[in-house]
Structure formats: structure tokens, C-alpha cells
Amino acid sequence: MQNNKIEVNRSSVAVLRIMVSLIFIVASLNHLINTDKAVARIENAKFGALGHLLGPPEIAVMASGVVMLLAGISLAVGFRTKWAAILLIVMLIPITLTIQVGQMATVGPLFKNIAILGGLLFFVLNPKLKKQ
């Protein structure tokens, strides 16, 4: 079987890690500081009922803010990169389904989340690139 290795610049991996993590760090601060606005987005979303599946949206917003902050920082610094990416994927999927899928008139945010998912999957599928 042929070896299918490719070379990747170490700096490019660090840049990707940091840039993908920033959206989660910023979003987490929004969830923690402007909880009411994040809850309102859930309430006004076409599939906002999904936001109530695990309990009150206020608790889900604050819990997701904490998880996104910790996992985002972990990804940014290269600590447990694969697990940080997995946690962020677990956060991104329900947020995308609840908020973005129902807004098909503006598909840009949906595809932004799909692109972010691709960046996270890169780190899940390439765990040896964790601290580069």
C-alpha cells in the first residue's frame, strides 16, 4: 500500500488552530455576557424548539459559553487539540441546526458553520498535528 503522506507547514497548522478557535472564544464571551440576546436568538429561530430539548435555554446558553471558551482556548494553544475540536463540533452542530438551518434565506451563516466544521474536522482527523 502506498504511503499517502503530505507535508504541511508547521506555522500554517498553528495559524489554522488559532483562527478557527477565535470564533468560539468570541461567541463564548457573547453567550456569557449577553445571555439574554443569545436566548432571544434561540427563541426567534425557526427551529428554536430544539433549544429547549435539554432544558431552559438560559442554562444551555451559559453552559455552551463555558464549554466554547475552555475548548476554544485549548484549541488555540494546542492543548488536547483533538478533544477540544470534538467538543467544539458537539457545540457547533446543535447551534447550526437550531439557528442557521431555519434561515435558508441567508445561507451564508450556515455555510460559515460548515466551513468551521471542516476546520475542526482537520484537527480531529490529524491529531499528531496538535502542537505545531
N, C-alpha and C. Protein backbone atom coordinates (compact mmCIF):
# COMPACT_ATOMS: atom_id res chain seq x y z
N MET A 1 0.84 -1.18 0.00
CA MET A 1 0.00 0.00 0.00
C MET A 1 0.88 1.24 0.00
N GLN A 2 0.50 2.20 -0.79
CA GLN A 2 1.28 3.42 -0.93
C GLN A 2 1.08 4.33 0.28
N ASN A 3 2.16 4.96 0.72
CA ASN A 3 2.10 5.90 1.83
C ASN A 3 1.53 7.22 1.31
N ASN A 4 0.43 7.67 1.86
CA ASN A 4 -0.24 8.88 1.38
C ASN A 4 0.03 10.08 2.28
N LYS A 5 1.26 10.30 2.63
CA LYS A 5 1.61 11.43 3.50
C LYS A 5 1.79 12.69 2.67
N ILE A 6 1.41 13.80 3.28
CA ILE A 6 1.66 15.11 2.68
C ILE A 6 2.41 15.95 3.70
N GLU A 7 3.12 16.92 3.23
CA GLU A 7 3.83 17.82 4.12
C GLU A 7 2.98 19.07 4.34
N VAL A 8 2.96 19.51 5.59
CA VAL A 8 2.21 20.70 5.96
C VAL A 8 3.14 21.61 6.73
N ASN A 9 3.14 22.88 6.40
CA ASN A 9 3.95 23.86 7.10
C ASN A 9 3.48 23.97 8.54
N ARG A 10 4.42 23.88 9.48
CA ARG A 10 4.09 23.93 10.91
C ARG A 10 3.36 25.22 11.28
N SER A 11 3.79 26.32 10.72
CA SER A 11 3.15 27.61 11.02
C SER A 11 1.71 27.64 10.54
N SER A 12 1.44 27.01 9.40
CA SER A 12 0.07 27.03 8.87
C SER A 12 -0.88 26.28 9.79
N VAL A 13 -0.40 25.24 10.43
CA VAL A 13 -1.24 24.49 11.37
C VAL A 13 -1.56 25.36 12.58
N ALA A 14 -0.57 26.07 13.10
CA ALA A 14 -0.80 26.96 14.25
C ALA A 14 -1.76 28.08 13.88
N VAL A 15 -1.58 28.66 12.70
CA VAL A 15 -2.47 29.73 12.25
C VAL A 15 -3.91 29.21 12.12
N LEU A 16 -4.08 28.04 11.52
CA LEU A 16 -5.42 27.45 11.38
C LEU A 16 -6.04 27.21 12.75
N ARG A 17 -5.28 26.64 13.66
CA ARG A 17 -5.76 26.34 15.01
C ARG A 17 -6.25 27.61 15.70
N ILE A 18 -5.45 28.64 15.64
CA ILE A 18 -5.79 29.89 16.33
C ILE A 18 -6.99 30.56 15.66
N MET A 19 -6.98 30.62 14.34
CA MET A 19 -8.07 31.31 13.64
C MET A 19 -9.41 30.60 13.81
N VAL A 20 -9.41 29.28 13.79
CA VAL A 20 -10.67 28.54 13.99
C VAL A 20 -11.15 28.72 15.43
N SER A 21 -10.22 28.77 16.36
CA SER A 21 -10.62 28.88 17.77
C SER A 21 -11.22 30.25 18.10
N LEU A 22 -10.81 31.29 17.40
CA LEU A 22 -11.24 32.64 17.75
C LEU A 22 -12.76 32.82 17.69
N ILE A 23 -13.42 32.20 16.72
CA ILE A 23 -14.87 32.39 16.63
C ILE A 23 -15.57 31.81 17.85
N PHE A 24 -15.02 30.73 18.40
CA PHE A 24 -15.62 30.12 19.58
C PHE A 24 -15.34 30.94 20.83
N ILE A 25 -14.16 31.50 20.92
CA ILE A 25 -13.83 32.33 22.08
C ILE A 25 -14.70 33.58 22.09
N VAL A 26 -14.84 34.23 20.94
CA VAL A 26 -15.68 35.43 20.85
C VAL A 26 -17.15 35.08 21.11
N ALA A 27 -17.64 33.99 20.50
CA ALA A 27 -19.03 33.57 20.70
C ALA A 27 -19.28 33.21 22.16
N SER A 28 -18.31 32.58 22.80
CA SER A 28 -18.49 32.20 24.21
C SER A 28 -18.66 33.43 25.08
N LEU A 29 -17.87 34.45 24.81
CA LEU A 29 -18.00 35.69 25.59
C LEU A 29 -19.37 36.32 25.38
N ASN A 30 -19.86 36.25 24.14
CA ASN A 30 -21.21 36.75 23.87
C ASN A 30 -22.25 35.94 24.64
N HIS A 31 -22.09 34.62 24.69
CA HIS A 31 -23.03 33.77 25.42
C HIS A 31 -23.01 34.10 26.92
N LEU A 32 -21.83 34.40 27.45
CA LEU A 32 -21.71 34.64 28.89
C LEU A 32 -22.05 36.07 29.29
N ILE A 33 -21.77 37.02 28.41
CA ILE A 33 -22.01 38.44 28.75
C ILE A 33 -23.40 38.88 28.30
N ASN A 34 -23.83 38.45 27.12
CA ASN A 34 -25.13 38.83 26.57
C ASN A 34 -26.05 37.62 26.48
N THR A 35 -26.22 36.94 27.59
CA THR A 35 -27.02 35.72 27.61
C THR A 35 -28.43 35.96 27.08
N ASP A 36 -29.04 37.06 27.47
CA ASP A 36 -30.42 37.34 27.03
C ASP A 36 -30.53 37.44 25.51
N LYS A 37 -29.53 38.05 24.86
CA LYS A 37 -29.56 38.16 23.40
C LYS A 37 -29.41 36.80 22.74
N ALA A 38 -28.54 35.95 23.29
CA ALA A 38 -28.36 34.61 22.73
C ALA A 38 -29.62 33.78 22.91
N VAL A 39 -30.27 33.91 24.05
CA VAL A 39 -31.54 33.21 24.30
C VAL A 39 -32.61 33.71 23.33
N ALA A 40 -32.65 35.01 23.09
CA ALA A 40 -33.62 35.59 22.16
C ALA A 40 -33.42 35.02 20.75
N ARG A 41 -32.16 34.82 20.34
CA ARG A 41 -31.90 34.22 19.02
C ARG A 41 -32.48 32.82 18.94
N ILE A 42 -32.36 32.07 20.02
CA ILE A 42 -32.95 30.72 20.05
C ILE A 42 -34.47 30.83 19.97
N GLU A 43 -35.04 31.69 20.77
CA GLU A 43 -36.50 31.85 20.82
C GLU A 43 -37.06 32.29 19.47
N ASN A 44 -36.32 33.11 18.74
CA ASN A 44 -36.80 33.63 17.46
C ASN A 44 -36.45 32.75 16.26
N ALA A 45 -35.64 31.74 16.47
CA ALA A 45 -35.22 30.87 15.37
C ALA A 45 -36.36 29.94 14.96
N LYS A 46 -36.38 29.62 13.68
CA LYS A 46 -37.41 28.74 13.14
C LYS A 46 -37.43 27.39 13.88
N PHE A 47 -36.24 26.87 14.19
CA PHE A 47 -36.14 25.60 14.90
C PHE A 47 -35.73 25.83 16.36
N GLY A 48 -36.17 26.93 16.92
CA GLY A 48 -35.82 27.29 18.30
C GLY A 48 -36.28 26.28 19.32
N ALA A 49 -37.30 25.48 19.00
CA ALA A 49 -37.77 24.46 19.93
C ALA A 49 -36.66 23.47 20.28
N LEU A 50 -35.72 23.28 19.35
CA LEU A 50 -34.59 22.39 19.62
C LEU A 50 -33.77 22.91 20.80
N GLY A 51 -33.77 24.21 20.99
CA GLY A 51 -33.01 24.81 22.08
C GLY A 51 -33.58 24.51 23.45
N HIS A 52 -34.79 23.95 23.50
CA HIS A 52 -35.43 23.62 24.77
C HIS A 52 -35.30 22.13 25.11
N LEU A 53 -34.71 21.35 24.23
CA LEU A 53 -34.65 19.90 24.45
C LEU A 53 -33.87 19.52 25.70
N LEU A 54 -32.83 20.24 26.01
CA LEU A 54 -32.01 19.90 27.17
C LEU A 54 -32.33 20.72 28.41
N GLY A 55 -33.41 21.48 28.34
CA GLY A 55 -33.78 22.29 29.49
C GLY A 55 -33.93 23.75 29.09
N PRO A 56 -33.95 24.62 30.09
CA PRO A 56 -34.12 26.04 29.81
C PRO A 56 -32.98 26.57 28.94
N PRO A 57 -33.30 27.35 27.91
CA PRO A 57 -32.27 27.87 27.02
C PRO A 57 -31.21 28.71 27.74
N GLU A 58 -31.59 29.39 28.81
CA GLU A 58 -30.62 30.22 29.55
C GLU A 58 -29.46 29.35 30.07
N ILE A 59 -29.81 28.18 30.59
CA ILE A 59 -28.78 27.28 31.11
C ILE A 59 -27.93 26.74 29.97
N ALA A 60 -28.58 26.36 28.87
CA ALA A 60 -27.86 25.84 27.71
C ALA A 60 -26.91 26.89 27.14
N VAL A 61 -27.34 28.14 27.07
CA VAL A 61 -26.51 29.22 26.54
C VAL A 61 -25.29 29.45 27.43
N MET A 62 -25.50 29.47 28.73
CA MET A 62 -24.37 29.70 29.64
C MET A 62 -23.42 28.50 29.64
N ALA A 63 -23.98 27.28 29.66
CA ALA A 63 -23.13 26.09 29.63
C ALA A 63 -22.33 26.02 28.33
N SER A 64 -22.99 26.33 27.21
CA SER A 64 -22.28 26.30 25.93
C SER A 64 -21.21 27.39 25.90
N GLY A 65 -21.47 28.52 26.55
CA GLY A 65 -20.47 29.58 26.62
C GLY A 65 -19.22 29.13 27.35
N VAL A 66 -19.40 28.44 28.46
CA VAL A 66 -18.26 27.94 29.23
C VAL A 66 -17.48 26.91 28.42
N VAL A 67 -18.20 25.95 27.82
CA VAL A 67 -17.54 24.90 27.04
C VAL A 67 -16.80 25.50 25.85
N MET A 68 -17.45 26.42 25.12
CA MET A 68 -16.79 27.03 23.97
C MET A 68 -15.56 27.83 24.38
N LEU A 69 -15.62 28.50 25.52
CA LEU A 69 -14.47 29.28 25.99
C LEU A 69 -13.29 28.35 26.32
N LEU A 70 -13.55 27.33 27.11
CA LEU A 70 -12.47 26.43 27.52
C LEU A 70 -11.92 25.63 26.34
N ALA A 71 -12.81 25.08 25.50
CA ALA A 71 -12.35 24.31 24.35
C ALA A 71 -11.70 25.22 23.31
N GLY A 72 -12.20 26.44 23.16
CA GLY A 72 -11.60 27.39 22.22
C GLY A 72 -10.19 27.77 22.63
N ILE A 73 -9.99 28.03 23.91
CA ILE A 73 -8.65 28.35 24.40
C ILE A 73 -7.74 27.14 24.25
N SER A 74 -8.26 25.97 24.58
CA SER A 74 -7.47 24.74 24.44
C SER A 74 -7.02 24.53 23.00
N LEU A 75 -7.93 24.73 22.06
CA LEU A 75 -7.58 24.61 20.65
C LEU A 75 -6.54 25.67 20.26
N ALA A 76 -6.75 26.88 20.70
CA ALA A 76 -5.85 27.98 20.34
C ALA A 76 -4.41 27.72 20.78
N VAL A 77 -4.25 27.16 21.97
CA VAL A 77 -2.90 26.94 22.49
C VAL A 77 -2.35 25.56 22.13
N GLY A 78 -3.17 24.72 21.53
CA GLY A 78 -2.70 23.40 21.11
C GLY A 78 -2.71 22.37 22.21
N PHE A 79 -3.54 22.55 23.23
CA PHE A 79 -3.64 21.59 24.32
C PHE A 79 -4.84 20.67 24.09
N ARG A 80 -4.56 19.37 23.99
CA ARG A 80 -5.63 18.38 23.74
C ARG A 80 -6.47 18.82 22.54
N THR A 81 -5.78 19.12 21.46
CA THR A 81 -6.39 19.69 20.26
C THR A 81 -7.52 18.83 19.72
N LYS A 82 -7.30 17.53 19.60
CA LYS A 82 -8.34 16.65 19.07
C LYS A 82 -9.60 16.72 19.92
N TRP A 83 -9.45 16.65 21.25
CA TRP A 83 -10.61 16.66 22.13
C TRP A 83 -11.27 18.03 22.17
N ALA A 84 -10.49 19.08 22.08
CA ALA A 84 -11.06 20.42 22.00
C ALA A 84 -11.91 20.55 20.74
N ALA A 85 -11.37 20.06 19.62
CA ALA A 85 -12.11 20.11 18.35
C ALA A 85 -13.39 19.29 18.43
N ILE A 86 -13.33 18.13 19.06
CA ILE A 86 -14.53 17.30 19.20
C ILE A 86 -15.58 18.03 20.03
N LEU A 87 -15.18 18.63 21.15
CA LEU A 87 -16.13 19.39 21.97
C LEU A 87 -16.75 20.54 21.18
N LEU A 88 -15.94 21.22 20.40
CA LEU A 88 -16.46 22.34 19.62
C LEU A 88 -17.41 21.86 18.53
N ILE A 89 -17.15 20.70 17.96
CA ILE A 89 -18.08 20.12 16.97
C ILE A 89 -19.41 19.80 17.66
N VAL A 90 -19.32 19.23 18.85
CA VAL A 90 -20.53 18.89 19.61
C VAL A 90 -21.34 20.16 19.90
N MET A 91 -20.68 21.29 20.09
CA MET A 91 -21.37 22.57 20.32
C MET A 91 -21.91 23.14 19.01
N LEU A 92 -21.12 23.02 17.94
CA LEU A 92 -21.45 23.66 16.67
C LEU A 92 -22.68 23.02 16.00
N ILE A 93 -22.80 21.72 16.07
CA ILE A 93 -23.89 21.04 15.36
C ILE A 93 -25.26 21.49 15.87
N PRO A 94 -25.57 21.43 17.18
CA PRO A 94 -26.90 21.88 17.60
C PRO A 94 -27.14 23.37 17.37
N ILE A 95 -26.09 24.18 17.51
CA ILE A 95 -26.24 25.61 17.25
C ILE A 95 -26.61 25.83 15.78
N THR A 96 -25.93 25.12 14.90
CA THR A 96 -26.20 25.24 13.47
C THR A 96 -27.61 24.77 13.14
N LEU A 97 -28.00 23.64 13.70
CA LEU A 97 -29.35 23.11 13.42
C LEU A 97 -30.43 24.03 13.97
N THR A 98 -30.21 24.57 15.15
CA THR A 98 -31.22 25.42 15.78
C THR A 98 -31.31 26.80 15.14
N ILE A 99 -30.19 27.43 14.92
CA ILE A 99 -30.19 28.83 14.49
C ILE A 99 -30.07 28.99 12.98
N GLN A 100 -29.15 28.27 12.35
CA GLN A 100 -28.82 28.54 10.95
C GLN A 100 -29.70 27.81 9.94
N VAL A 101 -30.07 26.57 10.20
CA VAL A 101 -30.79 25.79 9.19
C VAL A 101 -32.13 26.41 8.84
N GLY A 102 -32.81 26.96 9.80
CA GLY A 102 -34.11 27.56 9.54
C GLY A 102 -34.07 28.88 8.80
N GLN A 103 -32.90 29.43 8.59
CA GLN A 103 -32.77 30.73 7.93
C GLN A 103 -32.20 30.55 6.54
N MET A 104 -32.88 29.79 5.73
CA MET A 104 -32.36 29.47 4.41
C MET A 104 -32.34 30.68 3.46
N ALA A 105 -33.01 31.77 3.83
CA ALA A 105 -32.95 32.98 3.01
C ALA A 105 -31.55 33.57 3.04
N THR A 106 -30.85 33.37 4.15
CA THR A 106 -29.46 33.83 4.28
C THR A 106 -28.59 32.62 4.59
N VAL A 107 -28.13 31.95 3.56
CA VAL A 107 -27.38 30.71 3.76
C VAL A 107 -25.92 30.94 4.11
N GLY A 108 -25.45 32.17 4.06
CA GLY A 108 -24.05 32.46 4.38
C GLY A 108 -23.64 31.95 5.75
N PRO A 109 -24.40 32.29 6.82
CA PRO A 109 -24.03 31.78 8.14
C PRO A 109 -24.04 30.25 8.24
N LEU A 110 -24.93 29.60 7.52
CA LEU A 110 -24.95 28.14 7.52
C LEU A 110 -23.66 27.59 6.94
N PHE A 111 -23.24 28.13 5.80
CA PHE A 111 -22.02 27.64 5.17
C PHE A 111 -20.77 28.09 5.92
N LYS A 112 -20.85 29.20 6.66
CA LYS A 112 -19.75 29.58 7.55
C LYS A 112 -19.56 28.50 8.59
N ASN A 113 -20.65 28.03 9.17
CA ASN A 113 -20.54 26.97 10.17
C ASN A 113 -20.05 25.67 9.56
N ILE A 114 -20.44 25.39 8.33
CA ILE A 114 -19.95 24.19 7.65
C ILE A 114 -18.44 24.31 7.42
N ALA A 115 -17.97 25.50 7.06
CA ALA A 115 -16.53 25.71 6.87
C ALA A 115 -15.78 25.55 8.19
N ILE A 116 -16.34 26.08 9.26
CA ILE A 116 -15.72 25.93 10.58
C ILE A 116 -15.67 24.46 10.97
N LEU A 117 -16.74 23.75 10.69
CA LEU A 117 -16.78 22.30 10.95
C LEU A 117 -15.64 21.61 10.21
N GLY A 118 -15.37 22.01 8.97
CA GLY A 118 -14.26 21.45 8.22
C GLY A 118 -12.92 21.71 8.89
N GLY A 119 -12.73 22.92 9.41
CA GLY A 119 -11.50 23.23 10.13
C GLY A 119 -11.34 22.39 11.38
N LEU A 120 -12.44 22.20 12.11
CA LEU A 120 -12.38 21.36 13.32
C LEU A 120 -12.10 19.90 12.97
N LEU A 121 -12.73 19.43 11.90
CA LEU A 121 -12.50 18.04 11.48
C LEU A 121 -11.05 17.80 11.10
N PHE A 122 -10.39 18.82 10.57
CA PHE A 122 -8.97 18.72 10.25
C PHE A 122 -8.18 18.28 11.49
N PHE A 123 -8.48 18.89 12.63
CA PHE A 123 -7.75 18.57 13.86
C PHE A 123 -8.18 17.24 14.47
N VAL A 124 -9.42 16.85 14.25
CA VAL A 124 -9.87 15.54 14.72
C VAL A 124 -9.19 14.44 13.90
N LEU A 125 -9.09 14.65 12.60
CA LEU A 125 -8.53 13.63 11.71
C LEU A 125 -7.01 13.62 11.67
N ASN A 126 -6.38 14.66 12.20
CA ASN A 126 -4.91 14.78 12.20
C ASN A 126 -4.40 15.09 13.61
N PRO A 127 -4.63 14.18 14.54
CA PRO A 127 -4.28 14.50 15.93
C PRO A 127 -2.78 14.69 16.18
N LYS A 128 -1.92 14.17 15.31
CA LYS A 128 -0.48 14.33 15.52
C LYS A 128 -0.01 15.75 15.24
N LEU A 129 -0.89 16.59 14.70
CA LEU A 129 -0.53 17.98 14.40
C LEU A 129 -0.87 18.90 15.56
N LYS A 130 -1.13 18.35 16.73
CA LYS A 130 -1.68 19.10 17.85
C LYS A 130 -0.88 20.33 18.30
N LYS A 131 0.42 20.24 18.38
CA LYS A 131 1.19 21.34 18.98
C LYS A 131 2.17 21.92 17.96
N GLN A 132 1.72 22.10 16.75
CA GLN A 132 2.61 22.66 15.74
C GLN A 132 2.30 24.09 15.47
